[in-house]
Amino acid sequence: MKLNLRRLKLHPHESERFLIATAGDDRFLAELGGKFAVLITGETVVENTGSVFAVRGQVKTKVQVPCSRCLQPVIFPVDAALELVLTERSKNTGFDLDEDFIIFDGDEADISAEIGQAIFMALPLVYLCSDDCQGLCPVCGQDKNNQPCQCKEDTTDPRWAKLNDLR
């Protein structure tokens, strides 16, 4: 997603609204085994502060990820806030390199990677198809939500197994 800042560069201390509607990059979700289910939508307001461009906004989408227990696909809604600072390469001489700035050339700033990162950071650590998901049987691999299995689980911790011999 590229923001065209040509008009805003000419008017310090003004702001401009940008609508976002773009396809998500599935590489952000590859490690999770997921993908974007719908377009990323939202809006941002970019303010020219005179020295940098402050970006604030909200993005929404839906991602498809596997359930953490049963591995069935789950569509999960994501709502993420965006807060970015953009600066032109020619004007970034007074900034500390440790600060988080997006440096751009010309009239367009590409914020696609930052949108993907914001969505990734808004995702939960565990995805469940339902709160009462029973998951997979650790012995036979059967999905316990579809059909109960007859496997017997050994719940004894192997570190304590020798204590059973004392009986």
N, C-alpha and C. Protein backbone atom coordinates (compact mmCIF):
# COMPACT_ATOMS: atom_id res chain seq x y z
N MET A 1 0.86 -1.17 0.00
CA MET A 1 0.00 0.00 0.00
C MET A 1 0.90 1.22 0.00
N LYS A 2 0.77 2.01 -1.02
CA LYS A 2 1.58 3.23 -1.14
C LYS A 2 0.71 4.45 -0.88
N LEU A 3 1.26 5.36 -0.09
CA LEU A 3 0.59 6.63 0.19
C LEU A 3 1.23 7.70 -0.69
N ASN A 4 0.41 8.40 -1.48
CA ASN A 4 0.91 9.48 -2.30
C ASN A 4 0.86 10.77 -1.48
N LEU A 5 2.02 11.27 -1.12
CA LEU A 5 2.12 12.42 -0.23
C LEU A 5 2.45 13.72 -0.97
N ARG A 6 2.30 13.73 -2.28
CA ARG A 6 2.67 14.90 -3.09
C ARG A 6 1.94 16.16 -2.61
N ARG A 7 0.63 16.13 -2.47
CA ARG A 7 -0.13 17.31 -2.06
C ARG A 7 0.22 17.70 -0.62
N LEU A 8 0.33 16.70 0.25
CA LEU A 8 0.57 16.96 1.67
C LEU A 8 1.97 17.54 1.92
N LYS A 9 2.94 17.17 1.08
CA LYS A 9 4.29 17.72 1.22
C LYS A 9 4.31 19.23 1.02
N LEU A 10 3.40 19.73 0.23
CA LEU A 10 3.35 21.16 -0.07
C LEU A 10 2.61 21.96 0.99
N HIS A 11 1.92 21.29 1.91
CA HIS A 11 1.10 21.97 2.91
C HIS A 11 1.45 21.50 4.32
N PRO A 12 2.48 22.09 4.92
CA PRO A 12 2.83 21.72 6.30
C PRO A 12 1.68 21.99 7.26
N HIS A 13 1.59 21.19 8.30
CA HIS A 13 0.60 21.31 9.37
C HIS A 13 -0.83 21.06 8.89
N GLU A 14 -0.95 20.31 7.82
CA GLU A 14 -2.26 19.86 7.35
C GLU A 14 -2.27 18.33 7.37
N SER A 15 -3.45 17.77 7.22
CA SER A 15 -3.57 16.32 7.21
C SER A 15 -4.42 15.88 6.03
N GLU A 16 -4.29 14.60 5.70
CA GLU A 16 -5.03 14.02 4.59
C GLU A 16 -5.44 12.60 4.96
N ARG A 17 -6.62 12.23 4.55
CA ARG A 17 -7.17 10.90 4.85
C ARG A 17 -6.93 9.98 3.65
N PHE A 18 -6.51 8.75 3.95
CA PHE A 18 -6.28 7.73 2.92
C PHE A 18 -7.08 6.49 3.26
N LEU A 19 -7.79 5.95 2.28
CA LEU A 19 -8.51 4.69 2.45
C LEU A 19 -7.60 3.55 2.05
N ILE A 20 -7.71 2.45 2.76
CA ILE A 20 -6.88 1.28 2.49
C ILE A 20 -7.78 0.14 2.02
N ALA A 21 -7.42 -0.45 0.92
CA ALA A 21 -8.07 -1.67 0.41
C ALA A 21 -7.01 -2.39 -0.41
N THR A 22 -6.39 -3.38 0.20
CA THR A 22 -5.28 -4.07 -0.45
C THR A 22 -5.26 -5.54 -0.05
N ALA A 23 -4.70 -6.35 -0.91
CA ALA A 23 -4.54 -7.77 -0.60
C ALA A 23 -3.41 -7.94 0.40
N GLY A 24 -3.57 -8.86 1.33
CA GLY A 24 -2.52 -9.13 2.31
C GLY A 24 -1.44 -10.02 1.74
N ASP A 25 -0.25 -9.88 2.25
CA ASP A 25 0.88 -10.70 1.84
C ASP A 25 0.91 -11.95 2.72
N ASP A 26 0.61 -13.10 2.15
CA ASP A 26 0.52 -14.35 2.91
C ASP A 26 1.85 -14.76 3.55
N ARG A 27 2.96 -14.16 3.12
CA ARG A 27 4.25 -14.50 3.72
C ARG A 27 4.29 -14.13 5.21
N PHE A 28 3.49 -13.11 5.63
CA PHE A 28 3.45 -12.73 7.04
C PHE A 28 2.84 -13.84 7.90
N LEU A 29 2.00 -14.67 7.30
CA LEU A 29 1.30 -15.72 8.04
C LEU A 29 1.82 -17.12 7.74
N ALA A 30 2.87 -17.22 6.93
CA ALA A 30 3.36 -18.52 6.48
C ALA A 30 3.80 -19.41 7.64
N GLU A 31 4.48 -18.86 8.64
CA GLU A 31 4.94 -19.67 9.76
C GLU A 31 3.79 -20.23 10.59
N LEU A 32 2.65 -19.57 10.53
CA LEU A 32 1.47 -20.02 11.27
C LEU A 32 0.64 -21.00 10.46
N GLY A 33 1.00 -21.19 9.19
CA GLY A 33 0.20 -22.04 8.31
C GLY A 33 -1.08 -21.34 7.88
N GLY A 34 -1.06 -20.02 7.90
CA GLY A 34 -2.26 -19.25 7.60
C GLY A 34 -2.16 -18.46 6.32
N LYS A 35 -3.27 -17.79 6.00
CA LYS A 35 -3.33 -16.91 4.83
C LYS A 35 -4.43 -15.89 5.07
N PHE A 36 -4.40 -14.83 4.30
CA PHE A 36 -5.45 -13.81 4.38
C PHE A 36 -6.70 -14.33 3.69
N ALA A 37 -7.84 -14.22 4.37
CA ALA A 37 -9.10 -14.71 3.82
C ALA A 37 -9.83 -13.62 3.03
N VAL A 38 -9.61 -12.36 3.38
CA VAL A 38 -10.25 -11.24 2.69
C VAL A 38 -9.23 -10.10 2.55
N LEU A 39 -9.61 -9.07 1.82
CA LEU A 39 -8.75 -7.90 1.66
C LEU A 39 -8.54 -7.19 2.99
N ILE A 40 -7.43 -6.49 3.09
CA ILE A 40 -7.18 -5.62 4.24
C ILE A 40 -7.85 -4.30 3.92
N THR A 41 -8.70 -3.82 4.82
CA THR A 41 -9.39 -2.55 4.62
C THR A 41 -9.16 -1.65 5.82
N GLY A 42 -9.38 -0.39 5.63
CA GLY A 42 -9.24 0.55 6.74
C GLY A 42 -9.01 1.95 6.24
N GLU A 43 -8.56 2.79 7.15
CA GLU A 43 -8.24 4.16 6.76
C GLU A 43 -7.15 4.71 7.66
N THR A 44 -6.41 5.65 7.11
CA THR A 44 -5.37 6.33 7.86
C THR A 44 -5.52 7.83 7.68
N VAL A 45 -5.03 8.56 8.64
CA VAL A 45 -4.92 10.00 8.53
C VAL A 45 -3.44 10.32 8.64
N VAL A 46 -2.92 11.02 7.63
CA VAL A 46 -1.51 11.40 7.61
C VAL A 46 -1.42 12.90 7.85
N GLU A 47 -0.63 13.27 8.85
CA GLU A 47 -0.45 14.68 9.19
C GLU A 47 0.98 15.09 8.89
N ASN A 48 1.13 16.18 8.15
CA ASN A 48 2.44 16.76 7.89
C ASN A 48 2.76 17.68 9.06
N THR A 49 3.68 17.28 9.92
CA THR A 49 4.01 18.08 11.11
C THR A 49 5.00 19.19 10.78
N GLY A 50 5.49 19.22 9.57
CA GLY A 50 6.50 20.19 9.18
C GLY A 50 7.86 19.52 9.03
N SER A 51 8.14 18.51 9.87
CA SER A 51 9.42 17.80 9.76
C SER A 51 9.23 16.33 9.40
N VAL A 52 8.13 15.73 9.83
CA VAL A 52 7.83 14.32 9.53
C VAL A 52 6.34 14.20 9.21
N PHE A 53 5.95 13.02 8.75
CA PHE A 53 4.55 12.72 8.49
C PHE A 53 4.09 11.71 9.53
N ALA A 54 3.11 12.07 10.34
CA ALA A 54 2.57 11.17 11.36
C ALA A 54 1.36 10.45 10.78
N VAL A 55 1.39 9.12 10.85
CA VAL A 55 0.31 8.29 10.30
C VAL A 55 -0.40 7.61 11.45
N ARG A 56 -1.72 7.77 11.49
CA ARG A 56 -2.55 7.07 12.48
C ARG A 56 -3.73 6.47 11.76
N GLY A 57 -4.06 5.25 12.11
CA GLY A 57 -5.18 4.62 11.44
C GLY A 57 -5.53 3.27 12.01
N GLN A 58 -6.44 2.62 11.33
CA GLN A 58 -6.98 1.33 11.74
C GLN A 58 -7.11 0.47 10.49
N VAL A 59 -6.73 -0.80 10.60
CA VAL A 59 -6.93 -1.75 9.50
C VAL A 59 -7.68 -2.96 10.02
N LYS A 60 -8.46 -3.57 9.13
CA LYS A 60 -9.23 -4.77 9.47
C LYS A 60 -9.07 -5.79 8.36
N THR A 61 -9.14 -7.04 8.76
CA THR A 61 -9.11 -8.13 7.79
C THR A 61 -9.57 -9.40 8.48
N LYS A 62 -9.56 -10.48 7.76
CA LYS A 62 -9.81 -11.81 8.33
C LYS A 62 -8.71 -12.73 7.81
N VAL A 63 -8.18 -13.54 8.72
CA VAL A 63 -7.14 -14.49 8.35
C VAL A 63 -7.64 -15.90 8.59
N GLN A 64 -7.14 -16.82 7.79
CA GLN A 64 -7.46 -18.24 7.98
C GLN A 64 -6.22 -18.91 8.55
N VAL A 65 -6.37 -19.49 9.73
CA VAL A 65 -5.27 -20.17 10.42
C VAL A 65 -5.77 -21.51 10.94
N PRO A 66 -4.87 -22.47 11.17
CA PRO A 66 -5.32 -23.75 11.73
C PRO A 66 -5.58 -23.64 13.23
N CYS A 67 -6.62 -24.33 13.70
CA CYS A 67 -6.92 -24.39 15.13
C CYS A 67 -5.70 -24.98 15.85
N SER A 68 -5.36 -24.42 16.98
CA SER A 68 -4.18 -24.87 17.73
C SER A 68 -4.36 -26.26 18.33
N ARG A 69 -5.58 -26.75 18.44
CA ARG A 69 -5.81 -28.08 19.03
C ARG A 69 -6.13 -29.15 17.99
N CYS A 70 -7.04 -28.84 17.05
CA CYS A 70 -7.49 -29.88 16.11
C CYS A 70 -7.00 -29.66 14.67
N LEU A 71 -6.35 -28.55 14.42
CA LEU A 71 -5.77 -28.21 13.12
C LEU A 71 -6.79 -27.93 12.02
N GLN A 72 -8.07 -27.81 12.35
CA GLN A 72 -9.07 -27.43 11.36
C GLN A 72 -8.94 -25.94 11.05
N PRO A 73 -9.21 -25.53 9.80
CA PRO A 73 -9.08 -24.10 9.46
C PRO A 73 -10.09 -23.24 10.24
N VAL A 74 -9.62 -22.09 10.69
CA VAL A 74 -10.44 -21.15 11.44
C VAL A 74 -10.30 -19.77 10.79
N ILE A 75 -11.42 -19.10 10.56
CA ILE A 75 -11.39 -17.72 10.06
C ILE A 75 -11.41 -16.82 11.29
N PHE A 76 -10.40 -15.99 11.41
CA PHE A 76 -10.23 -15.15 12.60
C PHE A 76 -10.22 -13.67 12.19
N PRO A 77 -11.12 -12.84 12.75
CA PRO A 77 -11.11 -11.41 12.42
C PRO A 77 -9.97 -10.69 13.14
N VAL A 78 -9.36 -9.74 12.46
CA VAL A 78 -8.24 -8.98 13.03
C VAL A 78 -8.53 -7.49 12.86
N ASP A 79 -8.33 -6.75 13.93
CA ASP A 79 -8.48 -5.30 13.94
C ASP A 79 -7.19 -4.74 14.54
N ALA A 80 -6.43 -3.98 13.75
CA ALA A 80 -5.12 -3.52 14.22
C ALA A 80 -5.00 -2.01 14.06
N ALA A 81 -4.34 -1.39 15.02
CA ALA A 81 -4.06 0.05 14.98
C ALA A 81 -2.73 0.28 14.27
N LEU A 82 -2.67 1.39 13.55
CA LEU A 82 -1.43 1.80 12.88
C LEU A 82 -0.98 3.13 13.46
N GLU A 83 0.28 3.21 13.84
CA GLU A 83 0.89 4.47 14.23
C GLU A 83 2.30 4.46 13.70
N LEU A 84 2.54 5.28 12.69
CA LEU A 84 3.82 5.29 11.99
C LEU A 84 4.34 6.71 11.87
N VAL A 85 5.63 6.82 11.66
CA VAL A 85 6.25 8.11 11.38
C VAL A 85 7.05 7.96 10.09
N LEU A 86 6.73 8.80 9.12
CA LEU A 86 7.40 8.77 7.82
C LEU A 86 8.29 10.00 7.70
N THR A 87 9.43 9.84 7.05
CA THR A 87 10.29 10.98 6.77
C THR A 87 10.96 10.78 5.41
N GLU A 88 11.21 11.88 4.74
CA GLU A 88 11.90 11.82 3.46
C GLU A 88 13.38 11.57 3.69
N ARG A 89 13.98 10.81 2.81
CA ARG A 89 15.40 10.51 2.94
C ARG A 89 16.23 11.80 2.98
N SER A 90 15.85 12.79 2.21
CA SER A 90 16.62 14.04 2.15
C SER A 90 16.48 14.88 3.42
N LYS A 91 15.49 14.60 4.27
CA LYS A 91 15.25 15.40 5.47
C LYS A 91 15.52 14.66 6.78
N ASN A 92 16.08 13.46 6.74
CA ASN A 92 16.22 12.67 7.96
C ASN A 92 17.58 12.85 8.63
N THR A 93 18.26 13.95 8.41
CA THR A 93 19.61 14.14 8.95
C THR A 93 19.64 14.29 10.47
N GLY A 94 18.60 14.82 11.09
CA GLY A 94 18.64 15.07 12.53
C GLY A 94 18.06 13.99 13.40
N PHE A 95 17.74 12.83 12.85
CA PHE A 95 17.07 11.79 13.62
C PHE A 95 18.05 10.70 14.05
N ASP A 96 17.78 10.16 15.21
CA ASP A 96 18.56 9.06 15.75
C ASP A 96 18.21 7.79 14.98
N LEU A 97 19.21 7.00 14.63
CA LEU A 97 18.96 5.79 13.85
C LEU A 97 18.19 4.73 14.63
N ASP A 98 18.15 4.85 15.97
CA ASP A 98 17.41 3.89 16.78
C ASP A 98 15.91 4.14 16.75
N GLU A 99 15.49 5.30 16.31
CA GLU A 99 14.07 5.62 16.28
C GLU A 99 13.40 4.91 15.11
N ASP A 100 12.11 4.65 15.25
CA ASP A 100 11.37 3.93 14.21
C ASP A 100 10.78 4.90 13.21
N PHE A 101 11.46 5.05 12.11
CA PHE A 101 10.99 5.90 11.03
C PHE A 101 10.92 5.06 9.76
N ILE A 102 9.97 5.39 8.92
CA ILE A 102 9.92 4.80 7.59
C ILE A 102 10.46 5.88 6.66
N ILE A 103 11.56 5.58 6.03
CA ILE A 103 12.21 6.56 5.16
C ILE A 103 11.75 6.30 3.74
N PHE A 104 11.36 7.37 3.04
CA PHE A 104 10.88 7.21 1.67
C PHE A 104 11.53 8.25 0.76
N ASP A 105 11.53 7.95 -0.52
CA ASP A 105 12.03 8.86 -1.56
C ASP A 105 10.86 9.28 -2.43
N GLY A 106 10.94 10.46 -2.99
CA GLY A 106 9.91 10.93 -3.90
C GLY A 106 8.62 11.32 -3.19
N ASP A 107 7.51 11.05 -3.86
CA ASP A 107 6.21 11.46 -3.32
C ASP A 107 5.41 10.32 -2.71
N GLU A 108 5.91 9.08 -2.82
CA GLU A 108 5.15 7.93 -2.32
C GLU A 108 5.91 7.21 -1.21
N ALA A 109 5.16 6.82 -0.18
CA ALA A 109 5.71 6.02 0.92
C ALA A 109 4.98 4.70 0.95
N ASP A 110 5.74 3.61 0.91
CA ASP A 110 5.15 2.27 0.94
C ASP A 110 5.05 1.80 2.38
N ILE A 111 3.82 1.57 2.85
CA ILE A 111 3.60 1.12 4.23
C ILE A 111 3.05 -0.31 4.28
N SER A 112 3.21 -1.06 3.19
CA SER A 112 2.69 -2.44 3.13
C SER A 112 3.27 -3.32 4.23
N ALA A 113 4.59 -3.25 4.41
CA ALA A 113 5.23 -4.10 5.43
C ALA A 113 4.74 -3.74 6.82
N GLU A 114 4.55 -2.47 7.09
CA GLU A 114 4.10 -2.04 8.42
C GLU A 114 2.65 -2.46 8.67
N ILE A 115 1.82 -2.47 7.63
CA ILE A 115 0.45 -2.95 7.77
C ILE A 115 0.47 -4.44 8.11
N GLY A 116 1.30 -5.21 7.40
CA GLY A 116 1.42 -6.63 7.68
C GLY A 116 1.92 -6.90 9.10
N GLN A 117 2.88 -6.12 9.55
CA GLN A 117 3.40 -6.30 10.91
C GLN A 117 2.35 -5.96 11.95
N ALA A 118 1.57 -4.91 11.72
CA ALA A 118 0.52 -4.53 12.68
C ALA A 118 -0.52 -5.63 12.79
N ILE A 119 -0.88 -6.23 11.67
CA ILE A 119 -1.86 -7.33 11.69
C ILE A 119 -1.27 -8.54 12.40
N PHE A 120 -0.02 -8.86 12.11
CA PHE A 120 0.62 -10.00 12.75
C PHE A 120 0.69 -9.81 14.26
N MET A 121 1.01 -8.60 14.71
CA MET A 121 1.13 -8.33 16.14
C MET A 121 -0.24 -8.34 16.84
N ALA A 122 -1.32 -8.15 16.09
CA ALA A 122 -2.66 -8.15 16.68
C ALA A 122 -3.25 -9.55 16.80
N LEU A 123 -2.57 -10.54 16.24
CA LEU A 123 -3.06 -11.91 16.30
C LEU A 123 -2.84 -12.51 17.68
N PRO A 124 -3.74 -13.37 18.14
CA PRO A 124 -3.53 -14.03 19.44
C PRO A 124 -2.47 -15.12 19.32
N LEU A 125 -2.00 -15.60 20.45
CA LEU A 125 -1.00 -16.66 20.44
C LEU A 125 -1.61 -18.02 20.14
N VAL A 126 -2.89 -18.21 20.51
CA VAL A 126 -3.57 -19.49 20.32
C VAL A 126 -4.87 -19.25 19.56
N TYR A 127 -5.10 -20.04 18.53
CA TYR A 127 -6.33 -19.95 17.75
C TYR A 127 -7.15 -21.20 18.02
N LEU A 128 -8.39 -21.03 18.40
CA LEU A 128 -9.26 -22.18 18.66
C LEU A 128 -10.50 -22.08 17.79
N CYS A 129 -10.93 -23.24 17.25
CA CYS A 129 -12.16 -23.26 16.46
C CYS A 129 -13.37 -23.05 17.36
N SER A 130 -13.26 -23.49 18.62
CA SER A 130 -14.27 -23.23 19.65
C SER A 130 -13.61 -23.40 21.01
N ASP A 131 -14.20 -22.80 22.02
CA ASP A 131 -13.61 -22.87 23.36
C ASP A 131 -13.58 -24.30 23.91
N ASP A 132 -14.51 -25.14 23.45
CA ASP A 132 -14.55 -26.52 23.95
C ASP A 132 -13.93 -27.52 22.96
N CYS A 133 -13.04 -27.05 22.11
CA CYS A 133 -12.37 -27.93 21.16
C CYS A 133 -11.57 -28.99 21.94
N GLN A 134 -11.77 -30.25 21.58
CA GLN A 134 -11.09 -31.34 22.28
C GLN A 134 -9.75 -31.70 21.65
N GLY A 135 -9.50 -31.22 20.45
CA GLY A 135 -8.21 -31.45 19.81
C GLY A 135 -8.04 -32.83 19.23
N LEU A 136 -6.79 -33.19 18.98
CA LEU A 136 -6.44 -34.48 18.39
C LEU A 136 -6.00 -35.45 19.47
N CYS A 137 -6.29 -36.71 19.25
CA CYS A 137 -5.82 -37.77 20.16
C CYS A 137 -4.30 -37.87 20.01
N PRO A 138 -3.55 -37.81 21.10
CA PRO A 138 -2.09 -37.89 20.99
C PRO A 138 -1.59 -39.29 20.62
N VAL A 139 -2.46 -40.29 20.69
CA VAL A 139 -2.05 -41.66 20.37
C VAL A 139 -2.32 -41.96 18.90
N CYS A 140 -3.59 -41.80 18.44
CA CYS A 140 -3.95 -42.19 17.08
C CYS A 140 -4.13 -41.01 16.12
N GLY A 141 -4.23 -39.79 16.63
CA GLY A 141 -4.37 -38.62 15.77
C GLY A 141 -5.79 -38.31 15.35
N GLN A 142 -6.76 -39.04 15.86
CA GLN A 142 -8.18 -38.83 15.55
C GLN A 142 -8.63 -37.46 16.07
N ASP A 143 -9.43 -36.75 15.28
CA ASP A 143 -10.02 -35.49 15.74
C ASP A 143 -11.14 -35.83 16.72
N LYS A 144 -10.94 -35.52 17.98
CA LYS A 144 -11.91 -35.88 19.02
C LYS A 144 -13.21 -35.09 18.92
N ASN A 145 -13.24 -34.02 18.16
CA ASN A 145 -14.47 -33.25 17.96
C ASN A 145 -15.44 -34.00 17.05
N ASN A 146 -14.91 -34.76 16.09
CA ASN A 146 -15.75 -35.48 15.13
C ASN A 146 -16.18 -36.84 15.65
N GLN A 147 -15.29 -37.52 16.32
CA GLN A 147 -15.57 -38.88 16.77
C GLN A 147 -14.63 -39.22 17.93
N PRO A 148 -15.18 -39.71 19.03
CA PRO A 148 -14.29 -40.09 20.15
C PRO A 148 -13.49 -41.34 19.77
N CYS A 149 -12.26 -41.40 20.23
CA CYS A 149 -11.45 -42.58 19.94
C CYS A 149 -11.41 -43.48 21.18
N GLN A 150 -10.96 -44.69 21.01
CA GLN A 150 -10.92 -45.67 22.09
C GLN A 150 -9.52 -45.83 22.68
N CYS A 151 -8.64 -44.93 22.33
CA CYS A 151 -7.26 -45.04 22.81
C CYS A 151 -7.19 -44.75 24.30
N LYS A 152 -6.26 -45.42 24.94
CA LYS A 152 -6.02 -45.21 26.35
C LYS A 152 -4.78 -44.33 26.49
N GLU A 153 -4.97 -43.20 27.10
CA GLU A 153 -3.84 -42.29 27.29
C GLU A 153 -3.15 -42.62 28.60
N ASP A 154 -1.84 -42.72 28.55
CA ASP A 154 -1.05 -42.92 29.76
C ASP A 154 -0.69 -41.53 30.28
N THR A 155 -1.29 -41.17 31.38
CA THR A 155 -1.07 -39.83 31.93
C THR A 155 0.03 -39.78 32.97
N THR A 156 0.73 -40.89 33.15
CA THR A 156 1.81 -40.94 34.13
C THR A 156 3.03 -40.22 33.58
N ASP A 157 3.56 -39.34 34.37
CA ASP A 157 4.78 -38.64 34.01
C ASP A 157 5.92 -39.65 34.12
N PRO A 158 6.70 -39.86 33.03
CA PRO A 158 7.76 -40.87 33.06
C PRO A 158 8.81 -40.62 34.15
N ARG A 159 8.93 -39.41 34.61
CA ARG A 159 9.89 -39.12 35.67
C ARG A 159 9.45 -39.70 37.01
N TRP A 160 8.12 -39.98 37.15
CA TRP A 160 7.58 -40.52 38.39
C TRP A 160 7.19 -42.00 38.26
N ALA A 161 7.46 -42.60 37.12
CA ALA A 161 7.03 -43.96 36.85
C ALA A 161 7.59 -44.98 37.84
N LYS A 162 8.79 -44.80 38.32
CA LYS A 162 9.41 -45.73 39.27
C LYS A 162 8.63 -45.80 40.59
N LEU A 163 7.92 -44.75 40.93
CA LEU A 163 7.14 -44.75 42.18
C LEU A 163 5.99 -45.75 42.12
N ASN A 164 5.51 -46.08 40.91
CA ASN A 164 4.44 -47.08 40.78
C ASN A 164 4.90 -48.45 41.22
N ASP A 165 6.22 -48.73 41.13
CA ASP A 165 6.76 -50.03 41.55
C ASP A 165 6.76 -50.20 43.06
N LEU A 166 6.59 -49.15 43.82
CA LEU A 166 6.63 -49.22 45.28
C LEU A 166 5.33 -49.77 45.87
N ARG A 167 4.30 -49.87 45.13
CA ARG A 167 3.00 -50.34 45.63
C ARG A 167 2.99 -51.78 45.96
